[in-house]
Amino acid sequence: MIDERAIEEHIRGILIALGDDPEREGIKDTPKRVAKMYSEVFEGMNYTNHEIAEMFGKTFEEGFDEEMASDPGRVVVMKDIDMFSYCEHHMALMYDMKATVAYVPGGKVIGLSKIARVCDMVGRRLQLQEKIGRDIADIISEITGSEDVAVTLEACHSCVTARGIKKTNTKTYTAELRGRFRADPLLQFCLK
C-alpha cells in the first residue's frame, strides 16, 4: 500500500534539496498535498493485473448463442479512452493519452464502462507505455476469455516534450496485438 507519511517526508526533503524553505507559507502544506495526489494517481500500484480483472470482471453472456460466439466477423472496439500515466524512468507525466481496446467476443462481453475502468486503473502506475498496453490486454483477455485482443495507445510524454530534447509535438504510438489481430487486416482496420 502507498505510504503517504513517507511520501510527505521525502517531498519535504526534496523541497530542501531544491533550496526552498519547506515552512514557507506557499509550500508548507505541499508535502501533504503531494502525498494525497500520489495516492490517487498511483492507485493502480496497489493491485495486480489479476486483482484488477476481478474488480472489473463483470461480463454478460445474455444474447450470445453459439452461432454468434463463433462468428469471426464480430468484434468489440472502444476508441479514444482518455487516460494518463507516469513514466517509470523520470516519473514524468504521460498525457493526452488515448487508448483503443478491441476484442473478439468468445461467448461473453464485458461492460463498456469496465473497459475504461481497466484502462484507468492500469494507467495509475509507474511504468512504460508498452507495458500499459500489455497489462490492459492481459486483463481484458482474462475477463473475456478471448485470445483475440488488441490495445493501441497514443500519448505525449513530458520527459520528451518538457525536458531533455523538448520536442513539444511528439507523440508515441504503441500496439499490443494478440491472436487474430496480429494477421487479420480487417480486424486491424477496426483499430484505426
N, C-alpha and C. Protein backbone atom coordinates (compact mmCIF):
# COMPACT_ATOMS: atom_id res chain seq x y z
N MET A 1 0.84 -1.19 0.00
CA MET A 1 0.00 0.00 0.00
C MET A 1 0.88 1.26 0.00
N ILE A 2 0.34 2.31 -0.51
CA ILE A 2 1.06 3.57 -0.63
C ILE A 2 1.20 4.20 0.75
N ASP A 3 2.42 4.59 1.12
CA ASP A 3 2.74 5.16 2.42
C ASP A 3 2.77 6.68 2.31
N GLU A 4 1.64 7.34 2.57
CA GLU A 4 1.56 8.79 2.43
C GLU A 4 2.51 9.52 3.37
N ARG A 5 2.68 9.00 4.55
CA ARG A 5 3.57 9.64 5.54
C ARG A 5 5.01 9.69 5.01
N ALA A 6 5.47 8.58 4.45
CA ALA A 6 6.83 8.53 3.90
C ALA A 6 6.96 9.48 2.71
N ILE A 7 5.91 9.54 1.88
CA ILE A 7 5.95 10.47 0.74
C ILE A 7 6.08 11.90 1.22
N GLU A 8 5.30 12.27 2.24
CA GLU A 8 5.38 13.63 2.81
C GLU A 8 6.80 13.96 3.24
N GLU A 9 7.44 13.04 3.96
CA GLU A 9 8.80 13.27 4.44
C GLU A 9 9.77 13.45 3.28
N HIS A 10 9.63 12.63 2.25
CA HIS A 10 10.55 12.72 1.11
C HIS A 10 10.32 13.98 0.29
N ILE A 11 9.08 14.39 0.13
CA ILE A 11 8.80 15.63 -0.61
C ILE A 11 9.35 16.82 0.16
N ARG A 12 9.23 16.80 1.46
CA ARG A 12 9.82 17.86 2.29
C ARG A 12 11.33 17.91 2.04
N GLY A 13 11.98 16.73 2.00
CA GLY A 13 13.42 16.67 1.72
C GLY A 13 13.76 17.19 0.33
N ILE A 14 12.92 16.89 -0.63
CA ILE A 14 13.14 17.39 -2.00
C ILE A 14 13.07 18.91 -2.02
N LEU A 15 12.09 19.48 -1.32
CA LEU A 15 11.97 20.95 -1.27
C LEU A 15 13.24 21.57 -0.68
N ILE A 16 13.77 20.96 0.37
CA ILE A 16 15.01 21.45 0.97
C ILE A 16 16.15 21.30 -0.03
N ALA A 17 16.23 20.15 -0.72
CA ALA A 17 17.29 19.91 -1.69
C ALA A 17 17.23 20.90 -2.85
N LEU A 18 16.02 21.38 -3.16
CA LEU A 18 15.86 22.37 -4.23
C LEU A 18 16.24 23.78 -3.75
N GLY A 19 16.52 23.91 -2.46
CA GLY A 19 16.93 25.20 -1.92
C GLY A 19 15.78 26.05 -1.41
N ASP A 20 14.62 25.44 -1.22
CA ASP A 20 13.46 26.19 -0.73
C ASP A 20 13.26 25.90 0.75
N ASP A 21 12.46 26.72 1.37
CA ASP A 21 12.14 26.57 2.80
C ASP A 21 10.80 25.86 2.91
N PRO A 22 10.77 24.61 3.39
CA PRO A 22 9.51 23.87 3.45
C PRO A 22 8.49 24.46 4.42
N GLU A 23 8.91 25.45 5.21
CA GLU A 23 7.97 26.13 6.12
C GLU A 23 7.42 27.41 5.51
N ARG A 24 7.87 27.74 4.29
CA ARG A 24 7.38 28.93 3.60
C ARG A 24 5.88 28.82 3.39
N GLU A 25 5.17 29.91 3.56
CA GLU A 25 3.70 29.93 3.50
C GLU A 25 3.13 29.20 2.29
N GLY A 26 3.63 29.47 1.12
CA GLY A 26 3.06 28.89 -0.10
C GLY A 26 3.25 27.39 -0.25
N ILE A 27 4.26 26.82 0.45
CA ILE A 27 4.54 25.39 0.24
C ILE A 27 4.53 24.54 1.51
N LYS A 28 4.17 25.14 2.65
CA LYS A 28 4.26 24.33 3.87
C LYS A 28 3.31 23.14 3.88
N ASP A 29 2.21 23.20 3.12
CA ASP A 29 1.30 22.05 3.03
C ASP A 29 1.53 21.22 1.76
N THR A 30 2.53 21.59 0.96
CA THR A 30 2.81 20.88 -0.28
C THR A 30 3.13 19.40 -0.06
N PRO A 31 3.96 19.03 0.92
CA PRO A 31 4.22 17.60 1.09
C PRO A 31 2.95 16.78 1.33
N LYS A 32 2.04 17.31 2.10
CA LYS A 32 0.77 16.61 2.37
C LYS A 32 -0.07 16.52 1.10
N ARG A 33 -0.13 17.62 0.35
CA ARG A 33 -0.91 17.62 -0.90
C ARG A 33 -0.34 16.65 -1.92
N VAL A 34 0.99 16.62 -2.04
CA VAL A 34 1.63 15.72 -3.00
C VAL A 34 1.38 14.27 -2.59
N ALA A 35 1.46 13.97 -1.29
CA ALA A 35 1.21 12.60 -0.82
C ALA A 35 -0.20 12.16 -1.15
N LYS A 36 -1.18 13.03 -0.96
CA LYS A 36 -2.57 12.69 -1.32
C LYS A 36 -2.71 12.49 -2.82
N MET A 37 -2.07 13.37 -3.60
CA MET A 37 -2.13 13.25 -5.05
C MET A 37 -1.50 11.93 -5.50
N TYR A 38 -0.34 11.58 -4.93
CA TYR A 38 0.33 10.33 -5.31
C TYR A 38 -0.54 9.12 -4.97
N SER A 39 -1.24 9.17 -3.86
CA SER A 39 -2.15 8.05 -3.51
C SER A 39 -3.21 7.88 -4.58
N GLU A 40 -3.67 8.98 -5.13
CA GLU A 40 -4.70 8.94 -6.17
C GLU A 40 -4.13 8.52 -7.52
N VAL A 41 -3.07 9.19 -7.97
CA VAL A 41 -2.58 8.94 -9.33
C VAL A 41 -1.80 7.64 -9.46
N PHE A 42 -1.36 7.07 -8.34
CA PHE A 42 -0.66 5.79 -8.38
C PHE A 42 -1.46 4.66 -7.74
N GLU A 43 -2.77 4.82 -7.67
CA GLU A 43 -3.64 3.82 -7.04
C GLU A 43 -3.47 2.43 -7.65
N GLY A 44 -3.23 2.36 -8.93
CA GLY A 44 -3.10 1.07 -9.61
C GLY A 44 -1.93 0.24 -9.11
N MET A 45 -0.97 0.88 -8.46
CA MET A 45 0.18 0.15 -7.92
C MET A 45 -0.21 -0.75 -6.75
N ASN A 46 -1.41 -0.52 -6.21
CA ASN A 46 -1.91 -1.34 -5.09
C ASN A 46 -2.46 -2.68 -5.55
N TYR A 47 -2.61 -2.88 -6.87
CA TYR A 47 -3.30 -4.07 -7.38
C TYR A 47 -2.51 -4.78 -8.47
N THR A 48 -2.62 -6.09 -8.49
CA THR A 48 -2.06 -6.88 -9.58
C THR A 48 -3.04 -6.84 -10.76
N ASN A 49 -2.59 -7.28 -11.92
CA ASN A 49 -3.50 -7.38 -13.07
C ASN A 49 -4.68 -8.29 -12.74
N HIS A 50 -4.42 -9.40 -12.07
CA HIS A 50 -5.48 -10.34 -11.71
C HIS A 50 -6.51 -9.67 -10.78
N GLU A 51 -6.04 -8.89 -9.82
CA GLU A 51 -6.97 -8.19 -8.92
C GLU A 51 -7.81 -7.16 -9.67
N ILE A 52 -7.21 -6.48 -10.64
CA ILE A 52 -7.97 -5.53 -11.46
C ILE A 52 -9.01 -6.28 -12.29
N ALA A 53 -8.64 -7.43 -12.84
CA ALA A 53 -9.59 -8.25 -13.59
C ALA A 53 -10.76 -8.66 -12.70
N GLU A 54 -10.48 -9.01 -11.47
CA GLU A 54 -11.56 -9.38 -10.54
C GLU A 54 -12.44 -8.18 -10.21
N MET A 55 -11.84 -7.01 -10.03
CA MET A 55 -12.59 -5.79 -9.71
C MET A 55 -13.59 -5.42 -10.80
N PHE A 56 -13.15 -5.54 -12.06
CA PHE A 56 -13.95 -5.07 -13.18
C PHE A 56 -14.38 -6.21 -14.10
N GLY A 57 -14.49 -7.40 -13.56
CA GLY A 57 -14.72 -8.60 -14.35
C GLY A 57 -16.15 -8.96 -14.64
N LYS A 58 -17.08 -8.05 -14.45
CA LYS A 58 -18.50 -8.35 -14.75
C LYS A 58 -18.67 -8.52 -16.25
N THR A 59 -19.16 -9.69 -16.65
CA THR A 59 -19.40 -9.96 -18.07
C THR A 59 -20.85 -10.34 -18.27
N PHE A 60 -21.25 -10.33 -19.54
CA PHE A 60 -22.62 -10.66 -19.91
C PHE A 60 -22.60 -11.76 -20.96
N GLU A 61 -23.36 -12.80 -20.71
CA GLU A 61 -23.47 -13.89 -21.68
C GLU A 61 -24.81 -13.85 -22.39
N GLU A 62 -25.74 -13.04 -21.87
CA GLU A 62 -27.07 -12.93 -22.47
C GLU A 62 -26.97 -12.49 -23.92
N GLY A 63 -27.82 -13.06 -24.74
CA GLY A 63 -27.89 -12.66 -26.13
C GLY A 63 -26.83 -13.31 -27.00
N PHE A 64 -25.96 -14.11 -26.42
CA PHE A 64 -24.94 -14.80 -27.20
C PHE A 64 -25.33 -16.25 -27.35
N ASP A 65 -25.64 -16.62 -28.56
CA ASP A 65 -25.85 -18.04 -28.81
C ASP A 65 -24.56 -18.59 -29.43
N GLU A 66 -24.50 -19.88 -29.67
CA GLU A 66 -23.27 -20.48 -30.19
C GLU A 66 -22.86 -19.92 -31.55
N GLU A 67 -23.85 -19.64 -32.37
CA GLU A 67 -23.55 -19.09 -33.71
C GLU A 67 -22.88 -17.72 -33.58
N MET A 68 -23.42 -16.87 -32.71
CA MET A 68 -22.82 -15.54 -32.52
C MET A 68 -21.42 -15.64 -31.94
N ALA A 69 -21.23 -16.53 -30.97
CA ALA A 69 -19.94 -16.66 -30.30
C ALA A 69 -18.86 -17.14 -31.26
N SER A 70 -19.23 -17.94 -32.25
CA SER A 70 -18.22 -18.48 -33.17
C SER A 70 -18.09 -17.64 -34.44
N ASP A 71 -18.85 -16.56 -34.57
CA ASP A 71 -18.80 -15.72 -35.77
C ASP A 71 -17.53 -14.86 -35.75
N PRO A 72 -16.59 -15.11 -36.66
CA PRO A 72 -15.34 -14.35 -36.66
C PRO A 72 -15.52 -12.90 -37.10
N GLY A 73 -16.70 -12.55 -37.57
CA GLY A 73 -16.95 -11.18 -38.01
C GLY A 73 -17.38 -10.25 -36.89
N ARG A 74 -17.45 -10.74 -35.67
CA ARG A 74 -17.87 -9.91 -34.54
C ARG A 74 -16.64 -9.40 -33.79
N VAL A 75 -16.65 -8.12 -33.51
CA VAL A 75 -15.56 -7.51 -32.75
C VAL A 75 -16.13 -6.36 -31.92
N VAL A 76 -15.58 -6.17 -30.75
CA VAL A 76 -15.93 -5.03 -29.89
C VAL A 76 -14.73 -4.10 -29.89
N VAL A 77 -14.96 -2.82 -30.20
CA VAL A 77 -13.89 -1.83 -30.23
C VAL A 77 -14.34 -0.61 -29.45
N MET A 78 -13.52 -0.19 -28.51
CA MET A 78 -13.78 1.05 -27.77
C MET A 78 -12.58 1.96 -28.02
N LYS A 79 -12.85 3.14 -28.61
CA LYS A 79 -11.77 4.04 -29.02
C LYS A 79 -11.73 5.31 -28.17
N ASP A 80 -10.58 5.95 -28.24
CA ASP A 80 -10.37 7.26 -27.63
C ASP A 80 -10.69 7.30 -26.14
N ILE A 81 -10.24 6.27 -25.43
CA ILE A 81 -10.40 6.25 -23.98
C ILE A 81 -9.32 7.15 -23.39
N ASP A 82 -9.73 8.24 -22.77
CA ASP A 82 -8.78 9.18 -22.16
C ASP A 82 -8.14 8.55 -20.93
N MET A 83 -6.84 8.69 -20.83
CA MET A 83 -6.14 8.20 -19.65
C MET A 83 -4.80 8.92 -19.52
N PHE A 84 -4.10 8.66 -18.43
CA PHE A 84 -2.77 9.20 -18.22
C PHE A 84 -1.96 8.17 -17.45
N SER A 85 -0.67 8.40 -17.40
CA SER A 85 0.20 7.55 -16.59
C SER A 85 1.47 8.33 -16.30
N TYR A 86 2.39 7.68 -15.61
CA TYR A 86 3.68 8.28 -15.28
C TYR A 86 4.80 7.34 -15.70
N CYS A 87 5.75 7.88 -16.43
CA CYS A 87 6.91 7.13 -16.89
C CYS A 87 7.77 6.71 -15.71
N GLU A 88 8.16 5.46 -15.69
CA GLU A 88 8.98 4.97 -14.58
C GLU A 88 10.43 5.46 -14.64
N HIS A 89 10.85 5.99 -15.78
CA HIS A 89 12.23 6.46 -15.91
C HIS A 89 12.45 7.83 -15.28
N HIS A 90 11.48 8.74 -15.45
CA HIS A 90 11.64 10.10 -14.93
C HIS A 90 10.51 10.50 -13.99
N MET A 91 9.56 9.59 -13.75
CA MET A 91 8.34 9.91 -13.02
C MET A 91 7.63 11.09 -13.69
N ALA A 92 7.75 11.16 -15.00
CA ALA A 92 7.17 12.24 -15.79
C ALA A 92 5.81 11.81 -16.32
N LEU A 93 4.93 12.78 -16.46
CA LEU A 93 3.56 12.53 -16.90
C LEU A 93 3.51 12.09 -18.37
N MET A 94 2.73 11.04 -18.64
CA MET A 94 2.33 10.69 -20.00
C MET A 94 0.91 11.25 -20.12
N TYR A 95 0.71 12.18 -21.03
CA TYR A 95 -0.55 12.91 -21.08
C TYR A 95 -1.15 12.87 -22.48
N ASP A 96 -2.37 13.40 -22.58
CA ASP A 96 -3.13 13.33 -23.83
C ASP A 96 -3.13 11.90 -24.36
N MET A 97 -3.18 10.95 -23.44
CA MET A 97 -3.13 9.54 -23.80
C MET A 97 -4.52 9.07 -24.22
N LYS A 98 -4.57 8.36 -25.34
CA LYS A 98 -5.81 7.77 -25.84
C LYS A 98 -5.57 6.28 -26.04
N ALA A 99 -6.48 5.49 -25.54
CA ALA A 99 -6.40 4.05 -25.71
C ALA A 99 -7.52 3.58 -26.62
N THR A 100 -7.21 2.59 -27.44
CA THR A 100 -8.22 1.85 -28.18
C THR A 100 -8.08 0.40 -27.74
N VAL A 101 -9.20 -0.17 -27.30
CA VAL A 101 -9.21 -1.55 -26.83
C VAL A 101 -10.21 -2.31 -27.68
N ALA A 102 -9.78 -3.45 -28.21
CA ALA A 102 -10.64 -4.27 -29.06
C ALA A 102 -10.48 -5.74 -28.70
N TYR A 103 -11.57 -6.48 -28.85
CA TYR A 103 -11.50 -7.94 -28.65
C TYR A 103 -12.61 -8.61 -29.43
N VAL A 104 -12.37 -9.86 -29.76
CA VAL A 104 -13.38 -10.68 -30.43
C VAL A 104 -14.06 -11.48 -29.33
N PRO A 105 -15.35 -11.24 -29.10
CA PRO A 105 -16.04 -11.96 -28.02
C PRO A 105 -16.05 -13.47 -28.27
N GLY A 106 -15.84 -14.20 -27.22
CA GLY A 106 -15.87 -15.66 -27.31
C GLY A 106 -17.00 -16.23 -26.48
N GLY A 107 -18.15 -15.60 -26.52
CA GLY A 107 -19.29 -16.10 -25.75
C GLY A 107 -19.70 -15.19 -24.62
N LYS A 108 -18.86 -14.20 -24.28
CA LYS A 108 -19.25 -13.23 -23.26
C LYS A 108 -18.60 -11.89 -23.57
N VAL A 109 -19.27 -10.84 -23.12
CA VAL A 109 -18.77 -9.49 -23.33
C VAL A 109 -18.64 -8.79 -21.99
N ILE A 110 -17.75 -7.82 -21.95
CA ILE A 110 -17.54 -7.01 -20.76
C ILE A 110 -18.29 -5.70 -20.94
N GLY A 111 -18.82 -5.15 -19.86
CA GLY A 111 -19.48 -3.85 -19.93
C GLY A 111 -18.49 -2.78 -20.41
N LEU A 112 -18.96 -1.88 -21.24
CA LEU A 112 -18.07 -0.87 -21.82
C LEU A 112 -17.40 0.00 -20.77
N SER A 113 -18.14 0.37 -19.73
CA SER A 113 -17.52 1.20 -18.69
C SER A 113 -16.38 0.46 -18.00
N LYS A 114 -16.47 -0.86 -17.96
CA LYS A 114 -15.41 -1.65 -17.32
C LYS A 114 -14.12 -1.60 -18.13
N ILE A 115 -14.23 -1.53 -19.45
CA ILE A 115 -13.03 -1.40 -20.28
C ILE A 115 -12.31 -0.10 -19.93
N ALA A 116 -13.07 0.99 -19.84
CA ALA A 116 -12.47 2.28 -19.49
C ALA A 116 -11.88 2.25 -18.08
N ARG A 117 -12.55 1.58 -17.16
CA ARG A 117 -12.04 1.48 -15.78
C ARG A 117 -10.74 0.68 -15.72
N VAL A 118 -10.66 -0.38 -16.50
CA VAL A 118 -9.42 -1.16 -16.57
C VAL A 118 -8.28 -0.26 -17.06
N CYS A 119 -8.53 0.48 -18.14
CA CYS A 119 -7.51 1.38 -18.68
C CYS A 119 -7.07 2.40 -17.62
N ASP A 120 -8.02 2.99 -16.95
CA ASP A 120 -7.73 4.00 -15.93
C ASP A 120 -6.86 3.41 -14.82
N MET A 121 -7.24 2.25 -14.31
CA MET A 121 -6.50 1.66 -13.19
C MET A 121 -5.10 1.22 -13.61
N VAL A 122 -4.96 0.67 -14.80
CA VAL A 122 -3.64 0.27 -15.28
C VAL A 122 -2.74 1.49 -15.46
N GLY A 123 -3.31 2.59 -15.93
CA GLY A 123 -2.53 3.80 -16.11
C GLY A 123 -1.99 4.37 -14.81
N ARG A 124 -2.62 4.05 -13.71
CA ARG A 124 -2.24 4.62 -12.42
C ARG A 124 -1.10 3.84 -11.77
N ARG A 125 -0.03 3.70 -12.54
CA ARG A 125 1.18 3.01 -12.08
C ARG A 125 2.39 3.70 -12.69
N LEU A 126 3.55 3.51 -12.08
CA LEU A 126 4.81 3.91 -12.70
C LEU A 126 5.16 2.82 -13.71
N GLN A 127 5.34 3.19 -14.97
CA GLN A 127 5.60 2.15 -15.97
C GLN A 127 5.92 2.73 -17.33
N LEU A 128 6.07 1.85 -18.29
CA LEU A 128 6.32 2.22 -19.67
C LEU A 128 5.02 2.10 -20.47
N GLN A 129 4.90 2.88 -21.53
CA GLN A 129 3.69 2.83 -22.35
C GLN A 129 3.48 1.43 -22.93
N GLU A 130 4.56 0.77 -23.33
CA GLU A 130 4.44 -0.58 -23.88
C GLU A 130 3.82 -1.55 -22.86
N LYS A 131 4.19 -1.38 -21.60
CA LYS A 131 3.67 -2.26 -20.55
C LYS A 131 2.20 -1.95 -20.26
N ILE A 132 1.81 -0.71 -20.39
CA ILE A 132 0.39 -0.36 -20.20
C ILE A 132 -0.46 -1.18 -21.18
N GLY A 133 -0.07 -1.18 -22.46
CA GLY A 133 -0.81 -1.93 -23.47
C GLY A 133 -0.85 -3.41 -23.17
N ARG A 134 0.29 -3.96 -22.75
CA ARG A 134 0.35 -5.39 -22.42
C ARG A 134 -0.52 -5.71 -21.22
N ASP A 135 -0.48 -4.86 -20.18
CA ASP A 135 -1.29 -5.11 -18.98
C ASP A 135 -2.78 -5.03 -19.28
N ILE A 136 -3.19 -4.03 -20.05
CA ILE A 136 -4.62 -3.91 -20.42
C ILE A 136 -5.04 -5.15 -21.20
N ALA A 137 -4.23 -5.57 -22.17
CA ALA A 137 -4.57 -6.76 -22.97
C ALA A 137 -4.66 -8.00 -22.08
N ASP A 138 -3.73 -8.16 -21.14
CA ASP A 138 -3.78 -9.31 -20.23
C ASP A 138 -5.09 -9.33 -19.45
N ILE A 139 -5.49 -8.17 -18.94
CA ILE A 139 -6.69 -8.08 -18.11
C ILE A 139 -7.95 -8.33 -18.95
N ILE A 140 -8.04 -7.70 -20.11
CA ILE A 140 -9.21 -7.89 -20.98
C ILE A 140 -9.31 -9.36 -21.40
N SER A 141 -8.18 -9.96 -21.71
CA SER A 141 -8.18 -11.38 -22.08
C SER A 141 -8.65 -12.25 -20.91
N GLU A 142 -8.18 -11.96 -19.71
CA GLU A 142 -8.61 -12.73 -18.54
C GLU A 142 -10.11 -12.59 -18.29
N ILE A 143 -10.62 -11.38 -18.41
CA ILE A 143 -12.04 -11.14 -18.15
C ILE A 143 -12.92 -11.80 -19.20
N THR A 144 -12.58 -11.62 -20.48
CA THR A 144 -13.46 -12.07 -21.56
C THR A 144 -13.18 -13.51 -21.99
N GLY A 145 -12.02 -14.02 -21.66
CA GLY A 145 -11.64 -15.35 -22.12
C GLY A 145 -11.20 -15.36 -23.58
N SER A 146 -11.08 -14.19 -24.19
CA SER A 146 -10.70 -14.10 -25.60
C SER A 146 -9.19 -13.98 -25.74
N GLU A 147 -8.64 -14.70 -26.71
CA GLU A 147 -7.21 -14.57 -27.04
C GLU A 147 -7.01 -13.51 -28.12
N ASP A 148 -8.10 -13.08 -28.72
CA ASP A 148 -8.06 -12.08 -29.80
C ASP A 148 -8.31 -10.70 -29.20
N VAL A 149 -7.22 -10.06 -28.79
CA VAL A 149 -7.29 -8.77 -28.08
C VAL A 149 -6.27 -7.83 -28.70
N ALA A 150 -6.64 -6.55 -28.78
CA ALA A 150 -5.70 -5.53 -29.26
C ALA A 150 -5.85 -4.28 -28.41
N VAL A 151 -4.71 -3.66 -28.13
CA VAL A 151 -4.70 -2.38 -27.40
C VAL A 151 -3.71 -1.47 -28.11
N THR A 152 -4.18 -0.32 -28.55
CA THR A 152 -3.27 0.69 -29.10
C THR A 152 -3.31 1.90 -28.19
N LEU A 153 -2.16 2.55 -28.07
CA LEU A 153 -2.04 3.73 -27.22
C LEU A 153 -1.31 4.82 -27.97
N GLU A 154 -1.76 6.03 -27.76
CA GLU A 154 -1.12 7.23 -28.30
C GLU A 154 -0.96 8.18 -27.12
N ALA A 155 0.25 8.73 -26.93
CA ALA A 155 0.46 9.62 -25.78
C ALA A 155 1.61 10.58 -26.02
N CYS A 156 1.52 11.71 -25.34
CA CYS A 156 2.65 12.63 -25.23
C CYS A 156 3.37 12.31 -23.93
N HIS A 157 4.68 12.40 -23.96
CA HIS A 157 5.49 12.11 -22.78
C HIS A 157 6.20 13.40 -22.37
N SER A 158 5.93 13.86 -21.16
CA SER A 158 6.56 15.11 -20.73
C SER A 158 8.07 14.97 -20.58
N CYS A 159 8.59 13.73 -20.47
CA CYS A 159 10.04 13.56 -20.43
C CYS A 159 10.66 13.86 -21.79
N VAL A 160 9.85 13.93 -22.84
CA VAL A 160 10.30 14.30 -24.19
C VAL A 160 9.88 15.73 -24.53
N THR A 161 8.66 16.11 -24.12
CA THR A 161 8.12 17.40 -24.54
C THR A 161 8.53 18.57 -23.65
N ALA A 162 8.78 18.33 -22.35
CA ALA A 162 9.03 19.43 -21.42
C ALA A 162 10.46 19.48 -20.90
N ARG A 163 11.25 18.48 -21.16
CA ARG A 163 12.64 18.44 -20.68
C ARG A 163 13.49 17.74 -21.75
N GLY A 164 14.75 17.66 -21.51
CA GLY A 164 15.62 16.96 -22.46
C GLY A 164 15.55 17.55 -23.86
N ILE A 165 15.09 16.78 -24.81
CA ILE A 165 15.05 17.19 -26.21
C ILE A 165 13.99 18.26 -26.48
N LYS A 166 12.96 18.34 -25.66
CA LYS A 166 11.89 19.36 -25.73
C LYS A 166 11.21 19.42 -27.11
N LYS A 167 10.76 18.30 -27.59
CA LYS A 167 10.02 18.23 -28.85
C LYS A 167 8.53 18.21 -28.51
N THR A 168 7.92 19.38 -28.50
CA THR A 168 6.58 19.57 -27.94
C THR A 168 5.45 18.87 -28.69
N ASN A 169 5.62 18.59 -29.95
CA ASN A 169 4.53 17.96 -30.72
C ASN A 169 4.71 16.46 -30.91
N THR A 170 5.64 15.87 -30.18
CA THR A 170 5.95 14.46 -30.34
C THR A 170 4.93 13.59 -29.62
N LYS A 171 4.47 12.54 -30.32
CA LYS A 171 3.57 11.55 -29.73
C LYS A 171 4.20 10.17 -29.91
N THR A 172 3.89 9.30 -28.98
CA THR A 172 4.36 7.92 -29.06
C THR A 172 3.16 7.02 -29.27
N TYR A 173 3.27 6.10 -30.23
CA TYR A 173 2.22 5.12 -30.53
C TYR A 173 2.74 3.73 -30.20
N THR A 174 1.92 2.94 -29.53
CA THR A 174 2.28 1.54 -29.28
C THR A 174 1.07 0.67 -29.58
N ALA A 175 1.33 -0.58 -29.91
CA ALA A 175 0.25 -1.53 -30.19
C ALA A 175 0.59 -2.88 -29.59
N GLU A 176 -0.39 -3.46 -28.92
CA GLU A 176 -0.29 -4.83 -28.41
C GLU A 176 -1.35 -5.62 -29.17
N LEU A 177 -0.92 -6.44 -30.11
CA LEU A 177 -1.84 -7.21 -30.96
C LEU A 177 -1.71 -8.68 -30.63
N ARG A 178 -2.84 -9.31 -30.36
CA ARG A 178 -2.84 -10.73 -30.00
C ARG A 178 -3.84 -11.51 -30.82
N GLY A 179 -3.56 -12.79 -30.96
CA GLY A 179 -4.47 -13.67 -31.68
C GLY A 179 -4.66 -13.21 -33.11
N ARG A 180 -5.92 -13.16 -33.55
CA ARG A 180 -6.22 -12.81 -34.95
C ARG A 180 -5.88 -11.36 -35.29
N PHE A 181 -5.74 -10.50 -34.29
CA PHE A 181 -5.39 -9.11 -34.57
C PHE A 181 -3.98 -8.99 -35.14
N ARG A 182 -3.15 -10.00 -34.96
CA ARG A 182 -1.77 -9.95 -35.46
C ARG A 182 -1.71 -10.03 -36.97
N ALA A 183 -2.64 -10.77 -37.59
CA ALA A 183 -2.51 -11.02 -39.03
C ALA A 183 -3.73 -10.64 -39.85
N ASP A 184 -4.86 -10.40 -39.22
CA ASP A 184 -6.10 -10.14 -39.96
C ASP A 184 -6.24 -8.64 -40.25
N PRO A 185 -6.08 -8.25 -41.53
CA PRO A 185 -6.17 -6.82 -41.88
C PRO A 185 -7.53 -6.21 -41.57
N LEU A 186 -8.59 -6.99 -41.65
CA LEU A 186 -9.93 -6.45 -41.33
C LEU A 186 -10.04 -6.10 -39.85
N LEU A 187 -9.50 -6.96 -38.99
CA LEU A 187 -9.51 -6.65 -37.57
C LEU A 187 -8.60 -5.47 -37.27
N GLN A 188 -7.46 -5.41 -37.93
CA GLN A 188 -6.55 -4.28 -37.73
C GLN A 188 -7.20 -2.97 -38.19
N PHE A 189 -8.01 -3.05 -39.24
CA PHE A 189 -8.70 -1.86 -39.74
C PHE A 189 -9.62 -1.27 -38.66
N CYS A 190 -10.19 -2.12 -37.82
CA CYS A 190 -11.09 -1.67 -36.74
C CYS A 190 -10.37 -0.78 -35.74
N LEU A 191 -9.06 -0.87 -35.68
CA LEU A 191 -8.29 -0.11 -34.71
C LEU A 191 -8.00 1.32 -35.15
N LYS A 192 -8.27 1.61 -36.43
CA LYS A 192 -7.95 2.93 -36.96
C LYS A 192 -9.00 3.96 -36.64
